[in-house]
């Protein structure tokens, strides 16, 4: 079985961001935008959402596909990683 990113799965199934957000149980002011941020790596995707994506896609989307999303530029709202001196 080939694995897809969530964005690829949505394109393959014809789901909009809003439809997919509803299936994943994302709630709030703008669930579609929240999902878009997860897909783009602009915000970390909660494990529960990533696991739900795996379930609704029949395993074609894995939680790791959200971790591998393109990351936002450094300084775009996320602190720099902690560096420990030797």
PDB file of N, CA and C in Angstrom:
ATOM      1  N   UNK A   1       0.839  -1.171   0.000  1.00  0.00           N
ATOM      2  CA  UNK A   1       0.000   0.000   0.000  1.00  0.00           C
ATOM      3  C   UNK A   1       0.892   1.245   0.000  1.00  0.00           C
ATOM      4  N   UNK A   2       0.595   2.182  -0.865  1.00  0.00           N
ATOM      5  CA  UNK A   2       1.384   3.410  -0.893  1.00  0.00           C
ATOM      6  C   UNK A   2       0.798   4.417   0.088  1.00  0.00           C
ATOM      7  N   UNK A   3       1.682   5.139   0.739  1.00  0.00           N
ATOM      8  CA  UNK A   3       1.248   6.136   1.706  1.00  0.00           C
ATOM      9  C   UNK A   3       1.169   7.497   1.033  1.00  0.00           C
ATOM     10  N   UNK A   4       0.223   8.289   1.494  1.00  0.00           N
ATOM     11  CA  UNK A   4      -0.007   9.619   0.949  1.00  0.00           C
ATOM     12  C   UNK A   4       0.073  10.649   2.058  1.00  0.00           C
ATOM     13  N   UNK A   5       0.318  11.898   1.667  1.00  0.00           N
ATOM     14  CA  UNK A   5       0.119  12.971   2.625  1.00  0.00           C
ATOM     15  C   UNK A   5      -1.381  13.198   2.727  1.00  0.00           C
ATOM     16  N   UNK A   6      -1.795  13.890   3.753  1.00  0.00           N
ATOM     17  CA  UNK A   6      -3.227  14.162   3.890  1.00  0.00           C
ATOM     18  C   UNK A   6      -3.720  14.995   2.715  1.00  0.00           C
ATOM     19  N   UNK A   7      -2.923  15.937   2.253  1.00  0.00           N
ATOM     20  CA  UNK A   7      -3.302  16.770   1.110  1.00  0.00           C
ATOM     21  C   UNK A   7      -3.502  15.910  -0.134  1.00  0.00           C
ATOM     22  N   UNK A   8      -2.608  14.959  -0.374  1.00  0.00           N
ATOM     23  CA  UNK A   8      -2.748  14.062  -1.527  1.00  0.00           C
ATOM     24  C   UNK A   8      -4.004  13.212  -1.400  1.00  0.00           C
ATOM     25  N   UNK A   9      -4.280  12.721  -0.190  1.00  0.00           N
ATOM     26  CA  UNK A   9      -5.476  11.913   0.025  1.00  0.00           C
ATOM     27  C   UNK A   9      -6.727  12.727  -0.254  1.00  0.00           C
ATOM     28  N   UNK A  10      -6.754  13.970   0.215  1.00  0.00           N
ATOM     29  CA  UNK A  10      -7.924  14.820  -0.041  1.00  0.00           C
ATOM     30  C   UNK A  10      -8.127  15.024  -1.536  1.00  0.00           C
ATOM     31  N   UNK A  11      -7.037  15.283  -2.258  1.00  0.00           N
ATOM     32  CA  UNK A  11      -7.135  15.487  -3.709  1.00  0.00           C
ATOM     33  C   UNK A  11      -7.643  14.224  -4.396  1.00  0.00           C
ATOM     34  N   UNK A  12      -7.135  13.083  -3.978  1.00  0.00           N
ATOM     35  CA  UNK A  12      -7.524  11.806  -4.582  1.00  0.00           C
ATOM     36  C   UNK A  12      -9.001  11.490  -4.343  1.00  0.00           C
ATOM     37  N   UNK A  13      -9.509  11.878  -3.181  1.00  0.00           N
ATOM     38  CA  UNK A  13     -10.896  11.568  -2.833  1.00  0.00           C
ATOM     39  C   UNK A  13     -11.863  12.711  -3.124  1.00  0.00           C
ATOM     40  N   UNK A  14     -11.336  13.852  -3.549  1.00  0.00           N
ATOM     41  CA  UNK A  14     -12.191  14.992  -3.871  1.00  0.00           C
ATOM     42  C   UNK A  14     -12.768  15.703  -2.662  1.00  0.00           C
ATOM     43  N   UNK A  15     -12.159  15.513  -1.501  1.00  0.00           N
ATOM     44  CA  UNK A  15     -12.646  16.153  -0.277  1.00  0.00           C
ATOM     45  C   UNK A  15     -12.100  17.580  -0.169  1.00  0.00           C
ATOM     46  N   UNK A  16     -12.968  18.491   0.254  1.00  0.00           N
ATOM     47  CA  UNK A  16     -12.520  19.852   0.533  1.00  0.00           C
ATOM     48  C   UNK A  16     -11.891  19.885   1.920  1.00  0.00           C
ATOM     49  N   UNK A  17     -11.205  20.973   2.225  1.00  0.00           N
ATOM     50  CA  UNK A  17     -10.660  21.130   3.570  1.00  0.00           C
ATOM     51  C   UNK A  17     -11.774  21.069   4.608  1.00  0.00           C
ATOM     52  N   UNK A  18     -12.892  21.724   4.324  1.00  0.00           N
ATOM     53  CA  UNK A  18     -14.010  21.744   5.274  1.00  0.00           C
ATOM     54  C   UNK A  18     -14.586  20.345   5.489  1.00  0.00           C
ATOM     55  N   UNK A  19     -14.744  19.579   4.412  1.00  0.00           N
ATOM     56  CA  UNK A  19     -15.272  18.215   4.542  1.00  0.00           C
ATOM     57  C   UNK A  19     -14.327  17.338   5.356  1.00  0.00           C
ATOM     58  N   UNK A  20     -13.037  17.417   5.038  1.00  0.00           N
ATOM     59  CA  UNK A  20     -12.055  16.599   5.752  1.00  0.00           C
ATOM     60  C   UNK A  20     -11.967  17.014   7.218  1.00  0.00           C
ATOM     61  N   UNK A  21     -12.016  18.311   7.486  1.00  0.00           N
ATOM     62  CA  UNK A  21     -11.975  18.789   8.872  1.00  0.00           C
ATOM     63  C   UNK A  21     -13.159  18.239   9.660  1.00  0.00           C
ATOM     64  N   UNK A  22     -14.329  18.199   9.031  1.00  0.00           N
ATOM     65  CA  UNK A  22     -15.506  17.634   9.685  1.00  0.00           C
ATOM     66  C   UNK A  22     -15.335  16.156   9.980  1.00  0.00           C
ATOM     67  N   UNK A  23     -14.789  15.411   9.026  1.00  0.00           N
ATOM     68  CA  UNK A  23     -14.554  13.979   9.233  1.00  0.00           C
ATOM     69  C   UNK A  23     -13.558  13.722  10.364  1.00  0.00           C
ATOM     70  N   UNK A  24     -12.595  14.630  10.503  1.00  0.00           N
ATOM     71  CA  UNK A  24     -11.559  14.468  11.519  1.00  0.00           C
ATOM     72  C   UNK A  24     -11.993  14.977  12.890  1.00  0.00           C
ATOM     73  N   UNK A  25     -13.141  15.637  12.938  1.00  0.00           N
ATOM     74  CA  UNK A  25     -13.628  16.151  14.214  1.00  0.00           C
ATOM     75  C   UNK A  25     -12.983  17.451  14.645  1.00  0.00           C
ATOM     76  N   UNK A  26     -12.418  18.184  13.695  1.00  0.00           N
ATOM     77  CA  UNK A  26     -11.809  19.471  14.024  1.00  0.00           C
ATOM     78  C   UNK A  26     -12.929  20.491  14.195  1.00  0.00           C
ATOM     79  N   UNK A  27     -12.912  21.192  15.304  1.00  0.00           N
ATOM     80  CA  UNK A  27     -13.933  22.198  15.588  1.00  0.00           C
ATOM     81  C   UNK A  27     -13.251  23.534  15.876  1.00  0.00           C
ATOM     82  N   UNK A  28     -14.052  24.566  15.948  1.00  0.00           N
ATOM     83  CA  UNK A  28     -13.517  25.888  16.246  1.00  0.00           C
ATOM     84  C   UNK A  28     -14.056  26.900  15.268  1.00  0.00           C
ATOM     85  N   UNK A  29     -13.442  28.056  15.255  1.00  0.00           N
ATOM     86  CA  UNK A  29     -13.918  29.146  14.415  1.00  0.00           C
ATOM     87  C   UNK A  29     -13.805  28.829  12.933  1.00  0.00           C
ATOM     88  N   UNK A  30     -12.696  28.214  12.522  1.00  0.00           N
ATOM     89  CA  UNK A  30     -12.491  27.904  11.106  1.00  0.00           C
ATOM     90  C   UNK A  30     -11.761  26.563  10.986  1.00  0.00           C
ATOM     91  N   UNK A  31     -12.494  25.454  11.105  1.00  0.00           N
ATOM     92  CA  UNK A  31     -11.857  24.131  11.067  1.00  0.00           C
ATOM     93  C   UNK A  31     -11.061  23.875   9.788  1.00  0.00           C
ATOM     94  N   UNK A  32     -11.534  24.376   8.648  1.00  0.00           N
ATOM     95  CA  UNK A  32     -10.817  24.150   7.389  1.00  0.00           C
ATOM     96  C   UNK A  32      -9.435  24.796   7.433  1.00  0.00           C
ATOM     97  N   UNK A  33      -9.353  26.008   7.962  1.00  0.00           N
ATOM     98  CA  UNK A  33      -8.062  26.697   8.051  1.00  0.00           C
ATOM     99  C   UNK A  33      -7.140  25.984   9.044  1.00  0.00           C
ATOM    100  N   UNK A  34      -7.710  25.482  10.125  1.00  0.00           N
ATOM    101  CA  UNK A  34      -6.911  24.728  11.096  1.00  0.00           C
ATOM    102  C   UNK A  34      -6.293  23.504  10.428  1.00  0.00           C
ATOM    103  N   UNK A  35      -7.096  22.758   9.667  1.00  0.00           N
ATOM    104  CA  UNK A  35      -6.571  21.586   8.962  1.00  0.00           C
ATOM    105  C   UNK A  35      -5.502  21.992   7.958  1.00  0.00           C
ATOM    106  N   UNK A  36      -5.726  23.080   7.257  1.00  0.00           N
ATOM    107  CA  UNK A  36      -4.731  23.553   6.294  1.00  0.00           C
ATOM    108  C   UNK A  36      -3.402  23.839   6.991  1.00  0.00           C
ATOM    109  N   UNK A  37      -3.461  24.420   8.162  1.00  0.00           N
ATOM    110  CA  UNK A  37      -2.226  24.693   8.914  1.00  0.00           C
ATOM    111  C   UNK A  37      -1.516  23.395   9.305  1.00  0.00           C
ATOM    112  N   UNK A  38      -2.286  22.370   9.671  1.00  0.00           N
ATOM    113  CA  UNK A  38      -1.676  21.072   9.985  1.00  0.00           C
ATOM    114  C   UNK A  38      -1.019  20.478   8.741  1.00  0.00           C
ATOM    115  N   UNK A  39      -1.726  20.526   7.614  1.00  0.00           N
ATOM    116  CA  UNK A  39      -1.196  19.943   6.377  1.00  0.00           C
ATOM    117  C   UNK A  39       0.083  20.637   5.924  1.00  0.00           C
ATOM    118  N   UNK A  40       0.152  21.927   6.104  1.00  0.00           N
ATOM    119  CA  UNK A  40       1.320  22.700   5.658  1.00  0.00           C
ATOM    120  C   UNK A  40       2.465  22.694   6.665  1.00  0.00           C
ATOM    121  N   UNK A  41       2.218  22.149   7.844  1.00  0.00           N
ATOM    122  CA  UNK A  41       3.251  22.147   8.875  1.00  0.00           C
ATOM    123  C   UNK A  41       3.377  23.475   9.588  1.00  0.00           C
ATOM    124  N   UNK A  42       2.381  24.351   9.431  1.00  0.00           N
ATOM    125  CA  UNK A  42       2.415  25.647  10.098  1.00  0.00           C
ATOM    126  C   UNK A  42       2.094  25.516  11.579  1.00  0.00           C
ATOM    127  N   UNK A  43       1.386  24.461  11.935  1.00  0.00           N
ATOM    128  CA  UNK A  43       1.072  24.145  13.328  1.00  0.00           C
ATOM    129  C   UNK A  43       1.238  22.648  13.504  1.00  0.00           C
ATOM    130  N   UNK A  44       1.711  22.224  14.673  1.00  0.00           N
ATOM    131  CA  UNK A  44       1.819  20.786  14.897  1.00  0.00           C
ATOM    132  C   UNK A  44       0.436  20.148  14.944  1.00  0.00           C
ATOM    133  N   UNK A  45       0.308  19.018  14.319  1.00  0.00           N
ATOM    134  CA  UNK A  45      -0.967  18.302  14.278  1.00  0.00           C
ATOM    135  C   UNK A  45      -1.100  17.450  15.536  1.00  0.00           C
ATOM    136  N   UNK A  46      -2.204  17.613  16.284  1.00  0.00           N
ATOM    137  CA  UNK A  46      -2.401  16.761  17.462  1.00  0.00           C
ATOM    138  C   UNK A  46      -2.459  15.281  17.064  1.00  0.00           C
ATOM    139  N   UNK A  47      -1.935  14.436  17.919  1.00  0.00           N
ATOM    140  CA  UNK A  47      -1.879  13.009  17.619  1.00  0.00           C
ATOM    141  C   UNK A  47      -3.264  12.445  17.336  1.00  0.00           C
ATOM    142  N   UNK A  48      -4.267  12.875  18.078  1.00  0.00           N
ATOM    143  CA  UNK A  48      -5.625  12.369  17.866  1.00  0.00           C
ATOM    144  C   UNK A  48      -6.143  12.654  16.468  1.00  0.00           C
ATOM    145  N   UNK A  49      -5.820  13.819  15.931  1.00  0.00           N
ATOM    146  CA  UNK A  49      -6.237  14.181  14.571  1.00  0.00           C
ATOM    147  C   UNK A  49      -5.471  13.330  13.561  1.00  0.00           C
ATOM    148  N   UNK A  50      -4.163  13.166  13.778  1.00  0.00           N
ATOM    149  CA  UNK A  50      -3.352  12.354  12.865  1.00  0.00           C
ATOM    150  C   UNK A  50      -3.826  10.902  12.854  1.00  0.00           C
ATOM    151  N   UNK A  51      -4.186  10.372  14.019  1.00  0.00           N
ATOM    152  CA  UNK A  51      -4.692   8.998  14.083  1.00  0.00           C
ATOM    153  C   UNK A  51      -6.057   8.879  13.413  1.00  0.00           C
ATOM    154  N   UNK A  52      -6.892   9.906  13.558  1.00  0.00           N
ATOM    155  CA  UNK A  52      -8.196   9.904  12.882  1.00  0.00           C
ATOM    156  C   UNK A  52      -8.004   9.925  11.367  1.00  0.00           C
ATOM    157  N   UNK A  53      -7.020  10.682  10.887  1.00  0.00           N
ATOM    158  CA  UNK A  53      -6.738  10.728   9.448  1.00  0.00           C
ATOM    159  C   UNK A  53      -6.316   9.356   8.943  1.00  0.00           C
ATOM    160  N   UNK A  54      -5.515   8.661   9.738  1.00  0.00           N
ATOM    161  CA  UNK A  54      -5.098   7.309   9.360  1.00  0.00           C
ATOM    162  C   UNK A  54      -6.313   6.385   9.264  1.00  0.00           C
ATOM    163  N   UNK A  55      -7.217   6.507  10.214  1.00  0.00           N
ATOM    164  CA  UNK A  55      -8.398   5.643  10.233  1.00  0.00           C
ATOM    165  C   UNK A  55      -9.325   5.919   9.053  1.00  0.00           C
ATOM    166  N   UNK A  56      -9.646   7.189   8.791  1.00  0.00           N
ATOM    167  CA  UNK A  56     -10.603   7.482   7.716  1.00  0.00           C
ATOM    168  C   UNK A  56     -10.015   7.241   6.333  1.00  0.00           C
ATOM    169  N   UNK A  57      -8.679   7.232   6.241  1.00  0.00           N
ATOM    170  CA  UNK A  57      -8.045   6.986   4.939  1.00  0.00           C
ATOM    171  C   UNK A  57      -7.730   5.508   4.722  1.00  0.00           C
ATOM    172  N   UNK A  58      -8.116   4.666   5.654  1.00  0.00           N
ATOM    173  CA  UNK A  58      -7.812   3.247   5.531  1.00  0.00           C
ATOM    174  C   UNK A  58      -6.331   2.949   5.628  1.00  0.00           C
ATOM    175  N   UNK A  59      -5.600   3.787   6.352  1.00  0.00           N
ATOM    176  CA  UNK A  59      -4.167   3.580   6.538  1.00  0.00           C
ATOM    177  C   UNK A  59      -3.288   4.214   5.484  1.00  0.00           C
ATOM    178  N   UNK A  60      -3.876   4.857   4.498  1.00  0.00           N
ATOM    179  CA  UNK A  60      -3.057   5.466   3.435  1.00  0.00           C
ATOM    180  C   UNK A  60      -2.361   6.732   3.905  1.00  0.00           C
ATOM    181  N   UNK A  61      -2.956   7.422   4.873  1.00  0.00           N
ATOM    182  CA  UNK A  61      -2.317   8.586   5.491  1.00  0.00           C
ATOM    183  C   UNK A  61      -1.864   8.145   6.872  1.00  0.00           C
ATOM    184  N   UNK A  62      -0.594   8.307   7.169  1.00  0.00           N
ATOM    185  CA  UNK A  62      -0.083   7.908   8.478  1.00  0.00           C
ATOM    186  C   UNK A  62       0.173   9.152   9.326  1.00  0.00           C
ATOM    187  N   UNK A  63       0.195   8.991  10.642  1.00  0.00           N
ATOM    188  CA  UNK A  63       0.530  10.137  11.488  1.00  0.00           C
ATOM    189  C   UNK A  63       1.870  10.765  11.110  1.00  0.00           C
ATOM    190  N   UNK A  64       2.805   9.951  10.647  1.00  0.00           N
ATOM    191  CA  UNK A  64       4.115  10.471  10.255  1.00  0.00           C
ATOM    192  C   UNK A  64       4.030  11.434   9.081  1.00  0.00           C
ATOM    193  N   UNK A  65       2.987  11.325   8.257  1.00  0.00           N
ATOM    194  CA  UNK A  65       2.888  12.231   7.111  1.00  0.00           C
ATOM    195  C   UNK A  65       2.647  13.665   7.560  1.00  0.00           C
ATOM    196  N   UNK A  66       2.064  13.850   8.741  1.00  0.00           N
ATOM    197  CA  UNK A  66       1.891  15.205   9.256  1.00  0.00           C
ATOM    198  C   UNK A  66       3.197  15.733   9.827  1.00  0.00           C
ATOM    199  N   UNK A  67       3.991  14.854  10.429  1.00  0.00           N
ATOM    200  CA  UNK A  67       5.283  15.257  10.968  1.00  0.00           C
ATOM    201  C   UNK A  67       6.193  15.691   9.837  1.00  0.00           C
ATOM    202  N   UNK A  68       6.076  15.043   8.691  1.00  0.00           N
ATOM    203  CA  UNK A  68       6.922  15.360   7.550  1.00  0.00           C
ATOM    204  C   UNK A  68       6.419  16.509   6.709  1.00  0.00           C
ATOM    205  N   UNK A  69       5.344  17.184   7.154  1.00  0.00           N
ATOM    206  CA  UNK A  69       4.826  18.315   6.382  1.00  0.00           C
ATOM    207  C   UNK A  69       5.892  19.390   6.291  1.00  0.00           C
ATOM    208  N   UNK A  70       5.911  20.142   5.184  1.00  0.00           N
ATOM    209  CA  UNK A  70       6.893  21.224   5.089  1.00  0.00           C
ATOM    210  C   UNK A  70       6.780  22.122   6.314  1.00  0.00           C
ATOM    211  N   UNK A  71       7.866  22.419   6.917  1.00  0.00           N
ATOM    212  CA  UNK A  71       7.844  23.213   8.146  1.00  0.00           C
ATOM    213  C   UNK A  71       7.842  24.701   7.834  1.00  0.00           C
ATOM    214  N   UNK A  72       7.199  25.448   8.711  1.00  0.00           N
ATOM    215  CA  UNK A  72       7.160  26.903   8.578  1.00  0.00           C
ATOM    216  C   UNK A  72       8.574  27.454   8.734  1.00  0.00           C
ATOM    217  N   UNK A  73       8.796  28.612   8.196  1.00  0.00           N
ATOM    218  CA  UNK A  73      10.102  29.254   8.307  1.00  0.00           C
ATOM    219  C   UNK A  73      10.417  29.517   9.773  1.00  0.00           C
ATOM    220  N   UNK A  74      11.678  29.457  10.124  1.00  0.00           N
ATOM    221  CA  UNK A  74      12.088  29.742  11.497  1.00  0.00           C
ATOM    222  C   UNK A  74      11.619  31.137  11.876  1.00  0.00           C
ATOM    223  N   UNK A  75      11.135  31.260  13.079  1.00  0.00           N
ATOM    224  CA  UNK A  75      10.667  32.554  13.550  1.00  0.00           C
ATOM    225  C   UNK A  75       9.226  32.848  13.193  1.00  0.00           C
ATOM    226  N   UNK A  76       8.521  31.908  12.584  1.00  0.00           N
ATOM    227  CA  UNK A  76       7.133  32.145  12.181  1.00  0.00           C
ATOM    228  C   UNK A  76       6.183  31.704  13.287  1.00  0.00           C
ATOM    229  N   UNK A  77       6.443  32.169  14.499  1.00  0.00           N
ATOM    230  CA  UNK A  77       5.548  31.853  15.598  1.00  0.00           C
ATOM    231  C   UNK A  77       5.985  30.683  16.450  1.00  0.00           C
ATOM    232  N   UNK A  78       7.084  30.038  16.094  1.00  0.00           N
ATOM    233  CA  UNK A  78       7.573  28.913  16.878  1.00  0.00           C
ATOM    234  C   UNK A  78       8.949  29.259  17.422  1.00  0.00           C
ATOM    235  N   UNK A  79       9.213  28.885  18.656  1.00  0.00           N
ATOM    236  CA  UNK A  79      10.542  29.163  19.201  1.00  0.00           C
ATOM    237  C   UNK A  79      11.589  28.285  18.530  1.00  0.00           C
ATOM    238  N   UNK A  80      12.795  28.756  18.573  1.00  0.00           N
ATOM    239  CA  UNK A  80      13.909  27.955  18.057  1.00  0.00           C
ATOM    240  C   UNK A  80      14.063  26.716  18.938  1.00  0.00           C
ATOM    241  N   UNK A  81      14.529  25.610  18.368  1.00  0.00           N
ATOM    242  CA  UNK A  81      14.739  24.415  19.186  1.00  0.00           C
ATOM    243  C   UNK A  81      15.772  24.681  20.275  1.00  0.00           C
ATOM    244  N   UNK A  82      15.596  24.045  21.397  1.00  0.00           N
ATOM    245  CA  UNK A  82      16.531  24.173  22.504  1.00  0.00           C
ATOM    246  C   UNK A  82      17.840  23.500  22.124  1.00  0.00           C
ATOM    247  N   UNK A  83      18.930  24.200  22.315  1.00  0.00           N
ATOM    248  CA  UNK A  83      20.249  23.643  22.022  1.00  0.00           C
ATOM    249  C   UNK A  83      21.013  23.538  23.343  1.00  0.00           C
ATOM    250  N   UNK A  84      21.535  22.375  23.597  1.00  0.00           N
ATOM    251  CA  UNK A  84      22.272  22.137  24.837  1.00  0.00           C
ATOM    252  C   UNK A  84      23.749  22.061  24.503  1.00  0.00           C
ATOM    253  N   UNK A  85      24.515  22.902  25.170  1.00  0.00           N
ATOM    254  CA  UNK A  85      25.956  22.930  24.929  1.00  0.00           C
ATOM    255  C   UNK A  85      26.594  21.665  25.477  1.00  0.00           C
ATOM    256  N   UNK A  86      27.649  21.182  24.800  1.00  0.00           N
ATOM    257  CA  UNK A  86      28.327  19.965  25.283  1.00  0.00           C
ATOM    258  C   UNK A  86      29.044  20.193  26.595  1.00  0.00           C
TER     259      UNK A  86
END
